[in-house]
Amino acid sequence: MFPDVMKVAIALSLTVNASMSNEKMMRTLVHMLERMLIESK
């Protein structure tokens, strides 16, 4: 996989652990991750 994507995935899981109940933040991060995956193809 791409190093940048891995960094985002790590940051995403850290954020999930930090704020489990923040669904809006979760959705924003997921959209960012999806966008990065699309752009890196």
C-alpha atoms as a PDB file:
ATOM      1  CA  MET A   1       0.000   0.000   0.000  1.00  0.00           C
ATOM      2  CA  PHE A   2       0.934   3.661  -0.224  1.00  0.00           C
ATOM      3  CA  PRO A   3       2.799   5.124   2.806  1.00  0.00           C
ATOM      4  CA  ASP A   4       0.487   8.184   2.877  1.00  0.00           C
ATOM      5  CA  VAL A   5      -2.594   5.961   3.021  1.00  0.00           C
ATOM      6  CA  MET A   6      -1.065   3.986   5.877  1.00  0.00           C
ATOM      7  CA  LYS A   7      -0.408   7.214   7.804  1.00  0.00           C
ATOM      8  CA  VAL A   8      -4.035   8.257   7.323  1.00  0.00           C
ATOM      9  CA  ALA A   9      -5.266   4.837   8.437  1.00  0.00           C
ATOM     10  CA  ILE A  10      -3.152   5.045  11.610  1.00  0.00           C
ATOM     11  CA  ALA A  11      -4.369   8.578  12.317  1.00  0.00           C
ATOM     12  CA  LEU A  12      -7.935   7.412  11.709  1.00  0.00           C
ATOM     13  CA  SER A  13      -7.723   4.576  14.238  1.00  0.00           C
ATOM     14  CA  LEU A  14      -6.084   6.880  16.794  1.00  0.00           C
ATOM     15  CA  THR A  15      -8.923   9.366  16.337  1.00  0.00           C
ATOM     16  CA  VAL A  16     -11.507   6.595  16.696  1.00  0.00           C
ATOM     17  CA  ASN A  17      -9.925   5.562  19.996  1.00  0.00           C
ATOM     18  CA  ALA A  18      -9.786   9.183  21.183  1.00  0.00           C
ATOM     19  CA  SER A  19     -13.391  10.097  20.318  1.00  0.00           C
ATOM     20  CA  MET A  20     -15.620   7.059  19.893  1.00  0.00           C
ATOM     21  CA  SER A  21     -18.900   8.984  19.963  1.00  0.00           C
ATOM     22  CA  ASN A  22     -17.948  11.698  17.458  1.00  0.00           C
ATOM     23  CA  GLU A  23     -19.736  10.375  14.365  1.00  0.00           C
ATOM     24  CA  LYS A  24     -19.379  13.583  12.351  1.00  0.00           C
ATOM     25  CA  MET A  25     -15.595  13.492  12.760  1.00  0.00           C
ATOM     26  CA  MET A  26     -15.611   9.824  11.813  1.00  0.00           C
ATOM     27  CA  ARG A  27     -17.519  10.491   8.591  1.00  0.00           C
ATOM     28  CA  THR A  28     -15.218  13.392   7.695  1.00  0.00           C
ATOM     29  CA  LEU A  29     -12.107  11.256   8.179  1.00  0.00           C
ATOM     30  CA  VAL A  30     -13.606   8.368   6.209  1.00  0.00           C
ATOM     31  CA  HIS A  31     -14.400  10.718   3.310  1.00  0.00           C
ATOM     32  CA  MET A  32     -10.830  12.071   3.433  1.00  0.00           C
ATOM     33  CA  LEU A  33      -9.441   8.534   3.365  1.00  0.00           C
ATOM     34  CA  GLU A  34     -11.667   7.538   0.427  1.00  0.00           C
ATOM     35  CA  ARG A  35     -10.618  10.666  -1.493  1.00  0.00           C
ATOM     36  CA  MET A  36      -6.921   9.885  -0.919  1.00  0.00           C
ATOM     37  CA  LEU A  37      -7.417   6.293  -2.080  1.00  0.00           C
ATOM     38  CA  ILE A  38      -9.113   7.508  -5.279  1.00  0.00           C
ATOM     39  CA  GLU A  39      -6.454  10.153  -6.002  1.00  0.00           C
ATOM     40  CA  SER A  40      -3.543   7.753  -5.449  1.00  0.00           C
ATOM     41  CA  LYS A  41      -4.715   5.306  -8.151  1.00  0.00           C
END
